[in-house]
């Protein structure tokens, strides 16, 4: 191996070199010249010794084996086994452990391996949680997400439901929410994300976020400013943008309310269904065009569904699976 000075390499390169030396020193054909080069490399920079020691410690933790030497080998005793006589199975286990250690250390330093992981869920009640990075998240009912902290970023996977994020500012560690096939990236801001089946709605309250509808194509991202909304669903190449004047209505769930301002049923039902064990369905697009208003308590959604025929020209007929299906009633001609 060739000696490398610390002035020529980055921290990541030091880790890789430490891993290479660690592997090489375990080989039977490692020469005295190489061991001398290793000693020179080890003494050239305090970081070299620190990373090599960390490599040995992780390797030892992987298999409970003794870490490799950190100095040139002493003369071999006369009764020592020759280099080529090491059992093959022991050598395979050794190399596997060393490779595991190298993967762990190099992977963490390069941001491949997480250092923090946490799962949060809200079932029948909303919850407020603080993530390991200090960010505050309010979870709507029937919501599940996971937080994974990496060396260079914070990843939140919204598996289902809705959450309001108050992100702890950290420009060096972007805060990325993955919802559906897209993602929302921020550094420090306040925003709401709602996921229903493959539909995603993002509303920005403060700061700015980048929204991507397909993580495979990050070049099609859009930037939101406060008061703007973005929506996407499976198959979209770019989010649709709208300027919202209904922040209070979109975030009313945080106060146990649903507020509909002349909203089409096709858009209102997904918001209602998240509070129901048996989703309500539409018979056709004409029924979905009917508009719904008023304010509702989120704990009374079943009563709301039963009351729909009183406020809209619809009737409710259950289907074979037990789902309530809304059918638009024909207009009644005026009496003569």
Protein backbone atom coordinates (compact mmCIF):
# COMPACT_ATOMS: atom_id res chain seq x y z
CA UNK A 1 0.00 0.00 0.00
CA UNK A 2 1.12 3.57 -0.61
CA UNK A 3 1.57 6.00 2.23
CA UNK A 4 -0.87 8.92 2.20
CA UNK A 5 -0.42 12.17 4.12
CA UNK A 6 -3.30 13.85 5.93
CA UNK A 7 -2.90 17.04 3.89
CA UNK A 8 -3.92 15.15 0.77
CA UNK A 9 -7.09 13.54 1.95
CA UNK A 10 -10.48 14.42 3.36
CA UNK A 11 -12.00 12.86 6.46
CA UNK A 12 -13.89 10.36 4.32
CA UNK A 13 -10.66 9.34 2.59
CA UNK A 14 -8.98 8.83 5.98
CA UNK A 15 -11.77 6.47 6.97
CA UNK A 16 -11.42 4.53 3.73
CA UNK A 17 -7.63 4.33 4.15
CA UNK A 18 -8.04 3.12 7.74
CA UNK A 19 -10.40 0.43 6.50
CA UNK A 20 -7.95 -0.62 3.79
CA UNK A 21 -5.09 -0.84 6.29
CA UNK A 22 -7.28 -2.79 8.68
CA UNK A 23 -8.08 -5.36 6.01
CA UNK A 24 -4.52 -5.53 4.70
CA UNK A 25 -2.93 -6.15 8.10
CA UNK A 26 -5.05 -9.28 8.51
CA UNK A 27 -3.72 -10.84 5.33
CA UNK A 28 -1.09 -13.59 5.62
CA UNK A 29 1.04 -12.03 2.89
CA UNK A 30 1.25 -8.58 4.50
CA UNK A 31 4.95 -7.65 4.36
CA UNK A 32 7.21 -5.95 6.88
CA UNK A 33 7.59 -3.06 4.46
CA UNK A 34 3.82 -2.57 4.45
CA UNK A 35 3.70 -2.75 8.23
CA UNK A 36 6.34 -0.04 8.40
CA UNK A 37 4.34 2.09 5.96
CA UNK A 38 1.30 1.56 8.16
CA UNK A 39 3.22 2.73 11.23
CA UNK A 40 4.31 5.88 9.40
CA UNK A 41 0.74 6.54 8.24
CA UNK A 42 -0.57 6.00 11.78
CA UNK A 43 1.86 8.55 13.23
CA UNK A 44 1.35 11.16 10.51
CA UNK A 45 -1.94 12.54 11.85
CA UNK A 46 -3.90 12.03 15.09
CA UNK A 47 -7.00 11.41 13.00
CA UNK A 48 -5.37 8.34 11.47
CA UNK A 49 -4.94 6.63 14.83
CA UNK A 50 -8.42 7.67 15.95
CA UNK A 51 -10.15 6.27 12.86
CA UNK A 52 -8.08 3.10 12.89
CA UNK A 53 -8.90 2.52 16.55
CA UNK A 54 -12.59 3.06 15.82
CA UNK A 55 -12.35 0.57 12.98
CA UNK A 56 -10.84 -2.03 15.29
CA UNK A 57 -13.43 -1.42 17.99
CA UNK A 58 -16.34 -1.81 15.59
CA UNK A 59 -14.80 -4.93 14.10
CA UNK A 60 -14.39 -6.42 17.57
CA UNK A 61 -18.02 -5.63 18.37
CA UNK A 62 -19.15 -7.36 15.18
CA UNK A 63 -17.71 -10.77 16.04
CA UNK A 64 -16.10 -10.47 19.47
CA UNK A 65 -12.66 -10.94 17.95
CA UNK A 66 -9.44 -9.24 19.03
CA UNK A 67 -8.74 -5.99 17.15
CA UNK A 68 -5.85 -5.89 14.75
CA UNK A 69 -2.40 -4.70 15.77
CA UNK A 70 -1.58 -1.00 15.76
CA UNK A 71 2.20 -1.32 15.57
CA UNK A 72 4.72 -3.32 13.56
CA UNK A 73 4.64 -7.04 14.28
CA UNK A 74 7.14 -8.45 16.73
CA UNK A 75 9.37 -11.37 15.67
CA UNK A 76 7.42 -14.61 15.28
CA UNK A 77 8.02 -17.31 17.89
CA UNK A 78 9.57 -20.57 16.72
CA UNK A 79 6.50 -22.58 17.69
CA UNK A 80 4.00 -20.20 16.05
CA UNK A 81 1.86 -21.59 13.28
CA UNK A 82 3.07 -20.63 9.80
CA UNK A 83 1.07 -17.92 8.03
CA UNK A 84 -0.53 -20.34 5.61
CA UNK A 85 -1.85 -22.73 8.26
CA UNK A 86 -4.72 -20.61 9.61
CA UNK A 87 -7.98 -22.57 9.33
CA UNK A 88 -9.97 -21.52 6.30
CA UNK A 89 -13.24 -21.15 8.23
CA UNK A 90 -11.65 -18.80 10.78
CA UNK A 91 -10.23 -16.71 7.96
CA UNK A 92 -13.67 -16.44 6.30
CA UNK A 93 -15.32 -15.38 9.56
CA UNK A 94 -12.53 -12.89 10.16
CA UNK A 95 -12.85 -11.31 6.73
CA UNK A 96 -16.63 -11.12 7.07
CA UNK A 97 -16.31 -9.33 10.42
CA UNK A 98 -13.72 -6.93 9.04
CA UNK A 99 -15.88 -6.20 6.01
CA UNK A 100 -18.86 -5.59 8.29
CA UNK A 101 -16.85 -3.16 10.38
CA UNK A 102 -15.65 -1.33 7.30
CA UNK A 103 -19.19 -1.09 5.94
CA UNK A 104 -20.52 0.24 9.24
CA UNK A 105 -17.91 2.93 9.73
CA UNK A 106 -17.56 4.05 6.14
CA UNK A 107 -21.32 3.86 5.67
CA UNK A 108 -22.04 6.04 8.68
CA UNK A 109 -19.44 8.66 7.79
CA UNK A 110 -20.73 8.87 4.24
CA UNK A 111 -24.35 9.17 5.36
CA UNK A 112 -25.52 5.69 4.37
CA UNK A 113 -26.24 4.36 7.86
CA UNK A 114 -28.65 6.13 10.25
CA UNK A 115 -27.66 7.14 13.76
CA UNK A 116 -31.23 7.74 14.99
CA UNK A 117 -34.54 6.00 14.36
CA UNK A 118 -37.95 6.61 15.89
CA UNK A 119 -41.52 5.62 15.04
CA UNK A 120 -44.58 7.65 16.05
CA UNK A 121 -48.27 6.86 15.69
CA UNK A 122 -51.61 8.44 16.57
CA UNK A 123 -54.68 6.21 16.55
CA UNK A 124 -57.93 7.58 17.95
CA UNK A 125 -56.54 10.87 19.26
CA UNK A 126 -54.18 13.52 17.95
CA UNK A 127 -50.68 13.61 19.42
CA UNK A 128 -47.86 16.12 19.73
CA UNK A 129 -44.35 14.67 19.72
CA UNK A 130 -40.82 16.04 19.72
CA UNK A 131 -38.42 14.29 17.35
CA UNK A 132 -34.77 13.56 18.26
CA UNK A 133 -33.62 16.64 16.31
CA UNK A 134 -35.92 18.93 18.32
CA UNK A 135 -38.59 19.31 15.64
CA UNK A 136 -42.18 19.36 16.87
CA UNK A 137 -44.82 17.30 15.06
CA UNK A 138 -48.56 17.23 15.58
CA UNK A 139 -50.11 13.98 14.35
CA UNK A 140 -53.73 13.77 13.29
CA UNK A 141 -55.67 10.63 14.17
CA UNK A 142 -54.87 7.48 12.16
CA UNK A 143 -51.40 8.79 11.37
CA UNK A 144 -48.10 6.91 11.37
CA UNK A 145 -44.61 8.20 10.58
CA UNK A 146 -40.98 7.29 11.18
CA UNK A 147 -37.98 9.53 11.78
CA UNK A 148 -34.51 8.48 10.62
CA UNK A 149 -31.51 10.67 11.39
CA UNK A 150 -28.47 10.42 9.13
CA UNK A 151 -25.14 12.21 9.28
CA UNK A 152 -26.21 14.76 6.65
CA UNK A 153 -30.03 14.76 6.60
CA UNK A 154 -33.25 14.03 8.49
CA UNK A 155 -35.78 11.73 6.81
CA UNK A 156 -39.42 11.45 7.89
CA UNK A 157 -41.57 8.80 6.20
CA UNK A 158 -45.27 9.60 6.43
CA UNK A 159 -46.88 6.19 6.02
CA UNK A 160 -50.47 7.37 6.44
CA UNK A 161 -52.52 10.25 7.75
CA UNK A 162 -51.67 13.89 8.34
CA UNK A 163 -49.08 15.81 10.31
CA UNK A 164 -48.17 19.42 11.02
CA UNK A 165 -44.41 20.00 11.23
CA UNK A 166 -42.52 22.72 13.10
CA UNK A 167 -38.99 22.00 11.93
CA UNK A 168 -35.96 22.70 14.10
CA UNK A 169 -33.71 24.92 11.99
CA UNK A 170 -30.55 23.16 10.82
CA UNK A 171 -29.23 24.21 7.42
CA UNK A 172 -26.63 21.43 7.44
CA UNK A 173 -29.25 18.70 7.87
CA UNK A 174 -32.23 19.14 5.52
CA UNK A 175 -35.56 17.93 6.88
CA UNK A 176 -37.19 15.71 4.24
CA UNK A 177 -40.72 14.34 4.50
CA UNK A 178 -41.41 11.42 2.17
CA UNK A 179 -45.12 11.06 1.38
CA UNK A 180 -46.45 8.87 -1.41
CA UNK A 181 -43.96 8.82 -4.25
CA UNK A 182 -42.83 12.40 -3.61
CA UNK A 183 -41.10 14.41 -0.90
CA UNK A 184 -41.03 17.78 0.83
CA UNK A 185 -37.67 19.30 1.85
CA UNK A 186 -37.11 22.07 4.39
CA UNK A 187 -34.44 23.31 6.80
CA UNK A 188 -36.57 25.22 9.32
CA UNK A 189 -40.23 25.98 8.69
CA UNK A 190 -43.87 25.14 9.52
CA UNK A 191 -46.01 23.14 7.12
CA UNK A 192 -48.79 20.57 6.91
CA UNK A 193 -48.72 17.29 4.95
CA UNK A 194 -51.77 15.17 4.31
CA UNK A 195 -51.62 11.70 2.70
CA UNK A 196 -54.70 9.78 1.59
CA UNK A 197 -54.12 6.66 -0.49
CA UNK A 198 -51.82 8.08 -3.20
CA UNK A 199 -52.93 11.70 -2.90
CA UNK A 200 -50.72 14.21 -1.09
CA UNK A 201 -51.47 17.81 -0.11
CA UNK A 202 -48.83 20.16 1.27
CA UNK A 203 -49.62 23.53 2.83
CA UNK A 204 -46.89 25.96 3.85
CA UNK A 205 -47.46 28.27 6.80
CA UNK A 206 -43.98 29.69 7.37
CA UNK A 207 -40.58 29.53 5.67
CA UNK A 208 -40.13 27.68 2.40
CA UNK A 209 -40.12 24.10 1.16
CA UNK A 210 -39.23 22.25 -2.02
CA UNK A 211 -41.87 19.77 -3.17
CA UNK A 212 -41.18 16.87 -5.53
CA UNK A 213 -44.02 14.70 -6.81
CA UNK A 214 -41.69 11.86 -7.83
CA UNK A 215 -38.45 11.26 -5.92
CA UNK A 216 -37.04 9.59 -9.03
CA UNK A 217 -37.19 12.98 -10.79
CA UNK A 218 -36.05 15.65 -8.31
CA UNK A 219 -35.42 18.06 -11.18
CA UNK A 220 -39.17 18.74 -11.34
CA UNK A 221 -39.38 20.26 -7.87
CA UNK A 222 -41.39 23.38 -7.03
CA UNK A 223 -40.80 25.88 -4.24
CA UNK A 224 -43.61 27.01 -1.96
CA UNK A 225 -43.95 30.31 -0.15
CA UNK A 226 -46.22 30.89 2.86
CA UNK A 227 -49.88 30.55 1.95
CA UNK A 228 -49.20 28.26 -1.01
CA UNK A 229 -50.33 24.67 -1.42
CA UNK A 230 -48.96 21.83 -3.53
CA UNK A 231 -50.72 18.62 -4.47
CA UNK A 232 -49.66 15.47 -6.26
CA UNK A 233 -50.63 11.85 -6.68
CA UNK A 234 -49.10 8.71 -8.13
CA UNK A 235 -48.02 9.25 -11.73
CA UNK A 236 -47.60 13.03 -11.51
CA UNK A 237 -44.32 14.38 -12.83
CA UNK A 238 -44.73 17.77 -11.16
CA UNK A 239 -46.88 19.03 -8.26
CA UNK A 240 -49.81 21.36 -8.90
CA UNK A 241 -49.59 24.70 -7.12
CA UNK A 242 -52.37 26.86 -5.70
CA UNK A 243 -52.52 29.98 -3.55
CA UNK A 244 -54.57 29.20 -0.49
CA UNK A 245 -56.67 31.69 1.41
CA UNK A 246 -58.03 28.95 3.62
CA UNK A 247 -55.17 28.24 6.04
CA UNK A 248 -57.57 28.29 8.97
CA UNK A 249 -59.83 25.71 7.33
CA UNK A 250 -56.99 23.44 6.18
CA UNK A 251 -55.49 23.35 9.67
CA UNK A 252 -58.79 23.21 11.58
CA UNK A 253 -58.16 19.52 12.33
CA UNK A 254 -55.60 20.68 14.92
CA UNK A 255 -58.51 22.08 16.92
CA UNK A 256 -60.86 19.13 16.40
CA UNK A 257 -62.78 20.72 13.54
CA UNK A 258 -63.43 20.17 9.84
CA UNK A 259 -64.35 23.33 7.95
CA UNK A 260 -65.80 23.13 4.45
CA UNK A 261 -66.33 26.31 2.47
CA UNK A 262 -68.43 25.25 -0.51
CA UNK A 263 -66.12 22.29 -1.13
CA UNK A 264 -67.05 19.63 -3.74
CA UNK A 265 -67.96 16.29 -2.20
CA UNK A 266 -65.20 14.55 -4.17
CA UNK A 267 -62.68 16.66 -2.22
CA UNK A 268 -64.52 16.64 1.09
CA UNK A 269 -64.98 12.87 1.36
CA UNK A 270 -61.28 12.00 1.69
CA UNK A 271 -61.11 14.45 4.60
CA UNK A 272 -64.18 12.88 6.20
CA UNK A 273 -63.15 9.27 5.56
CA UNK A 274 -59.97 9.47 7.62
CA UNK A 275 -62.20 9.71 10.71
CA UNK A 276 -64.36 6.72 9.72
CA UNK A 277 -63.72 3.00 10.01
CA UNK A 278 -65.88 2.40 6.91
CA UNK A 279 -65.21 4.96 4.15
CA UNK A 280 -68.05 6.71 2.36
CA UNK A 281 -68.10 6.36 -1.44
CA UNK A 282 -69.54 8.32 -4.35
CA UNK A 283 -71.90 6.71 -6.84
CA UNK A 284 -70.72 8.89 -9.73
CA UNK A 285 -68.99 12.13 -10.67
CA UNK A 286 -72.27 14.06 -10.64
CA UNK A 287 -72.64 13.29 -6.95
CA UNK A 288 -69.06 14.37 -6.38
CA UNK A 289 -69.82 17.79 -7.88
CA UNK A 290 -72.25 18.63 -5.08
CA UNK A 291 -70.81 21.20 -2.69
CA UNK A 292 -70.64 21.02 1.07
CA UNK A 293 -70.35 23.82 3.63
CA UNK A 294 -70.47 24.42 7.39
CA UNK A 295 -68.21 23.38 10.28
CA UNK A 296 -68.10 19.92 11.87
CA UNK A 297 -66.63 18.33 14.97
CA UNK A 298 -64.15 15.61 14.02
CA UNK A 299 -65.57 13.37 16.76
CA UNK A 300 -69.00 13.43 15.12
CA UNK A 301 -68.20 12.29 11.59
CA UNK A 302 -70.63 9.37 11.68
CA UNK A 303 -73.42 11.77 12.60
CA UNK A 304 -72.32 14.06 9.77
CA UNK A 305 -72.60 11.25 7.21
CA UNK A 306 -76.07 10.34 8.41
CA UNK A 307 -77.10 14.00 8.17
CA UNK A 308 -75.87 14.50 4.60
CA UNK A 309 -79.30 13.76 3.03
CA UNK A 310 -80.67 16.65 5.10
CA UNK A 311 -78.22 19.22 3.72
CA UNK A 312 -77.63 17.85 0.21
CA UNK A 313 -79.84 16.21 -2.44
CA UNK A 314 -78.40 12.74 -1.84
CA UNK A 315 -79.49 9.38 -0.55
CA UNK A 316 -77.30 6.80 1.16
CA UNK A 317 -77.39 3.17 0.00
CA UNK A 318 -74.84 0.70 1.42
CA UNK A 319 -72.97 -1.46 -1.10
CA UNK A 320 -72.24 -5.18 -0.76
CA UNK A 321 -69.13 -4.44 1.32
CA UNK A 322 -71.05 -2.25 3.75
CA UNK A 323 -69.71 1.09 2.55
CA UNK A 324 -72.23 3.94 2.54
CA UNK A 325 -72.59 5.11 -1.08
CA UNK A 326 -73.93 8.58 -1.87
CA UNK A 327 -76.33 8.84 -4.80
CA UNK A 328 -77.39 12.20 -6.14
CA UNK A 329 -81.15 12.58 -6.23
CA UNK A 330 -82.76 14.07 -9.31
CA UNK A 331 -84.07 17.58 -8.92
CA UNK A 332 -87.72 17.72 -7.92
CA UNK A 333 -89.76 19.73 -10.45
CA UNK A 334 -91.58 22.71 -8.91
CA UNK A 335 -95.25 22.24 -8.17
CA UNK A 336 -97.64 24.07 -10.47
